[in-house]
Amino acid sequence: MTSDDLDLQLTNDHAWVMRVSARFLANPTAVGSTQGLKPAPLALLPPIPLYRRLLRSHRKCLSKEMRVLGDEYVKSEFRSHREVENPMHIIGFLTEWQMYAQKVEGDAWRGEKLDKAKIDKMSDQQLEQLYELMKAIQEHGRNEGGEDP
């Protein structure tokens, strides 16, 4: 920084006054731009509005059977995370559910496969839950197709 960029002056009452050069103010940025950059991060919804949004998305975008399965899963997950105090865990939880809500609302989730990196990061308990969810969906598909379980 040169002396032109930042001037510190001692005034009569011995207080420092700082004047910043105009070139440091209102510089154009790429915030919100998607050209070569990741999109701007989403503002996270608080837990209760997100919970309501998820149930509303299920009601509007899913069949009755899939809605029941999805609502039960959302309710159990939010209930089991009610007492979590780790801020990083809370942010990760809310982020993933908010991205899920956007996918359901945009119908972008159909036929999508899970990211291998996310699967690798899952705990044994999460993998077990994922397996149980997969079995429930397969069971639902067999019952819908007219086959006996």
Protein backbone atom coordinates (compact mmCIF):
# COMPACT_ATOMS: atom_id res chain seq x y z
CA MET A 1 0.00 0.00 0.00
CA THR A 2 1.41 3.40 -0.91
CA SER A 3 1.01 6.67 0.93
CA ASP A 4 -1.58 7.67 -1.70
CA ASP A 5 -3.80 4.75 -0.73
CA LEU A 6 -3.99 5.38 2.99
CA ASP A 7 -3.36 8.62 4.85
CA LEU A 8 -3.14 8.77 8.61
CA GLN A 9 -3.16 12.24 10.06
CA LEU A 10 -2.79 13.52 13.56
CA THR A 11 -5.47 16.11 14.27
CA ASN A 12 -5.49 18.91 16.85
CA ASP A 13 -6.95 16.66 19.58
CA HIS A 14 -4.34 13.95 18.85
CA ALA A 15 -6.85 11.46 17.38
CA TRP A 16 -5.95 9.55 14.28
CA VAL A 17 -8.03 10.11 11.15
CA MET A 18 -7.89 7.59 8.37
CA ARG A 19 -8.73 8.39 4.77
CA VAL A 20 -8.90 5.48 2.37
CA SER A 21 -8.30 5.94 -1.32
CA ALA A 22 -11.35 5.61 -3.53
CA ARG A 23 -9.78 2.65 -5.31
CA PHE A 24 -10.46 0.49 -2.22
CA LEU A 25 -14.14 1.30 -2.22
CA ALA A 26 -16.84 -0.25 -4.42
CA ASN A 27 -14.63 -2.44 -6.52
CA PRO A 28 -16.59 -4.67 -8.91
CA THR A 29 -16.57 -8.32 -7.87
CA ALA A 30 -17.69 -11.62 -9.30
CA VAL A 31 -20.18 -12.27 -6.48
CA GLY A 32 -23.28 -13.91 -7.94
CA SER A 33 -21.53 -14.50 -11.24
CA THR A 34 -21.43 -18.03 -12.54
CA GLN A 35 -18.80 -17.50 -15.23
CA GLY A 36 -16.01 -19.82 -14.21
CA LEU A 37 -16.93 -19.59 -10.55
CA LYS A 38 -19.08 -21.62 -8.25
CA PRO A 39 -22.53 -20.12 -7.66
CA ALA A 40 -22.87 -17.93 -4.62
CA PRO A 41 -23.50 -20.02 -1.48
CA LEU A 42 -27.07 -20.36 -0.33
CA ALA A 43 -28.31 -18.81 2.83
CA LEU A 44 -29.19 -21.67 5.14
CA LEU A 45 -32.74 -21.88 6.34
CA PRO A 46 -33.21 -22.34 10.08
CA PRO A 47 -34.29 -25.87 11.11
CA ILE A 48 -38.05 -25.31 11.53
CA PRO A 49 -38.61 -23.43 8.23
CA LEU A 50 -36.47 -26.04 6.45
CA TYR A 51 -38.46 -28.86 8.04
CA ARG A 52 -41.71 -27.25 6.87
CA ARG A 53 -40.28 -26.69 3.39
CA LEU A 54 -39.31 -30.35 3.13
CA LEU A 55 -42.78 -31.58 4.10
CA ARG A 56 -44.37 -29.04 1.71
CA SER A 57 -42.07 -30.21 -1.11
CA HIS A 58 -43.03 -33.81 -0.48
CA ARG A 59 -46.72 -32.87 -0.51
CA LYS A 60 -46.42 -31.00 -3.81
CA CYS A 61 -43.86 -33.10 -5.69
CA LEU A 62 -44.08 -36.74 -4.60
CA SER A 63 -46.63 -39.48 -5.05
CA LYS A 64 -48.65 -40.39 -1.97
CA GLU A 65 -46.59 -43.52 -1.22
CA MET A 66 -43.25 -41.79 -1.70
CA ARG A 67 -44.50 -38.83 0.36
CA VAL A 68 -45.28 -41.10 3.31
CA LEU A 69 -41.82 -42.69 3.10
CA GLY A 70 -40.10 -39.30 2.71
CA ASP A 71 -42.08 -37.61 5.49
CA GLU A 72 -41.29 -40.44 7.93
CA TYR A 73 -37.61 -40.22 7.09
CA VAL A 74 -37.46 -36.41 7.40
CA LYS A 75 -39.31 -36.50 10.72
CA SER A 76 -37.05 -39.18 12.18
CA GLU A 77 -33.86 -37.42 11.01
CA PHE A 78 -34.89 -34.04 12.40
CA ARG A 79 -36.01 -35.68 15.65
CA SER A 80 -32.72 -37.54 16.04
CA HIS A 81 -30.70 -34.35 15.38
CA ARG A 82 -32.71 -32.15 17.75
CA GLU A 83 -30.08 -32.20 20.52
CA VAL A 84 -26.96 -31.85 18.34
CA GLU A 85 -24.69 -29.04 19.52
CA ASN A 86 -21.72 -29.31 17.14
CA PRO A 87 -22.03 -26.26 14.79
CA MET A 88 -20.23 -28.00 11.91
CA HIS A 89 -22.55 -30.98 12.15
CA ILE A 90 -25.61 -28.71 12.23
CA ILE A 91 -24.43 -26.74 9.19
CA GLY A 92 -23.73 -29.95 7.26
CA PHE A 93 -27.11 -31.39 8.22
CA LEU A 94 -29.04 -28.26 7.19
CA THR A 95 -27.03 -27.83 3.98
CA GLU A 96 -27.68 -31.38 2.80
CA TRP A 97 -31.41 -31.19 3.58
CA GLN A 98 -31.70 -27.82 1.86
CA MET A 99 -30.01 -29.20 -1.28
CA TYR A 100 -32.37 -32.19 -1.12
CA ALA A 101 -35.38 -29.85 -0.96
CA GLN A 102 -34.16 -27.97 -4.02
CA LYS A 103 -33.70 -31.21 -5.94
CA VAL A 104 -37.17 -32.49 -5.03
CA GLU A 105 -38.76 -29.16 -5.97
CA GLY A 106 -36.85 -29.09 -9.26
CA ASP A 107 -37.49 -32.76 -10.02
CA ALA A 108 -33.72 -33.16 -10.47
CA TRP A 109 -33.42 -36.12 -8.12
CA ARG A 110 -35.03 -38.78 -10.30
CA GLY A 111 -32.45 -41.25 -11.52
CA GLU A 112 -29.59 -39.44 -9.80
CA LYS A 113 -26.86 -41.55 -8.24
CA LEU A 114 -25.16 -40.80 -4.93
CA ASP A 115 -21.75 -39.16 -5.11
CA LYS A 116 -19.03 -41.69 -4.23
CA ALA A 117 -17.17 -39.06 -2.18
CA LYS A 118 -20.24 -38.58 0.02
CA ILE A 119 -20.65 -42.32 0.48
CA ASP A 120 -16.97 -42.63 1.48
CA LYS A 121 -17.46 -39.96 4.17
CA MET A 122 -20.49 -41.70 5.73
CA SER A 123 -20.26 -43.39 9.10
CA ASP A 124 -21.27 -47.02 9.58
CA GLN A 125 -24.57 -45.86 11.08
CA GLN A 126 -25.27 -43.64 8.06
CA LEU A 127 -24.45 -46.48 5.66
CA GLU A 128 -26.81 -48.73 7.60
CA GLN A 129 -29.57 -46.09 7.34
CA LEU A 130 -28.91 -45.74 3.63
CA TYR A 131 -29.19 -49.50 3.21
CA GLU A 132 -32.49 -49.57 5.13
CA LEU A 133 -33.80 -46.73 2.96
CA MET A 134 -32.74 -48.61 -0.20
CA LYS A 135 -34.57 -51.74 1.01
CA ALA A 136 -37.73 -49.71 1.77
CA ILE A 137 -37.66 -48.15 -1.71
CA GLN A 138 -37.13 -51.54 -3.36
CA GLU A 139 -39.99 -53.00 -1.31
CA HIS A 140 -42.18 -50.10 -2.37
CA GLY A 141 -41.24 -50.74 -6.02
CA ARG A 142 -42.10 -54.44 -5.75
CA ASN A 143 -45.44 -53.68 -4.10
CA GLU A 144 -46.24 -51.07 -6.74
CA GLY A 145 -45.40 -53.54 -9.49
CA GLY A 146 -47.93 -56.02 -8.12
CA GLU A 147 -45.38 -58.50 -6.80
CA ASP A 148 -45.67 -59.97 -3.33
CA PRO A 149 -42.89 -59.02 -0.86
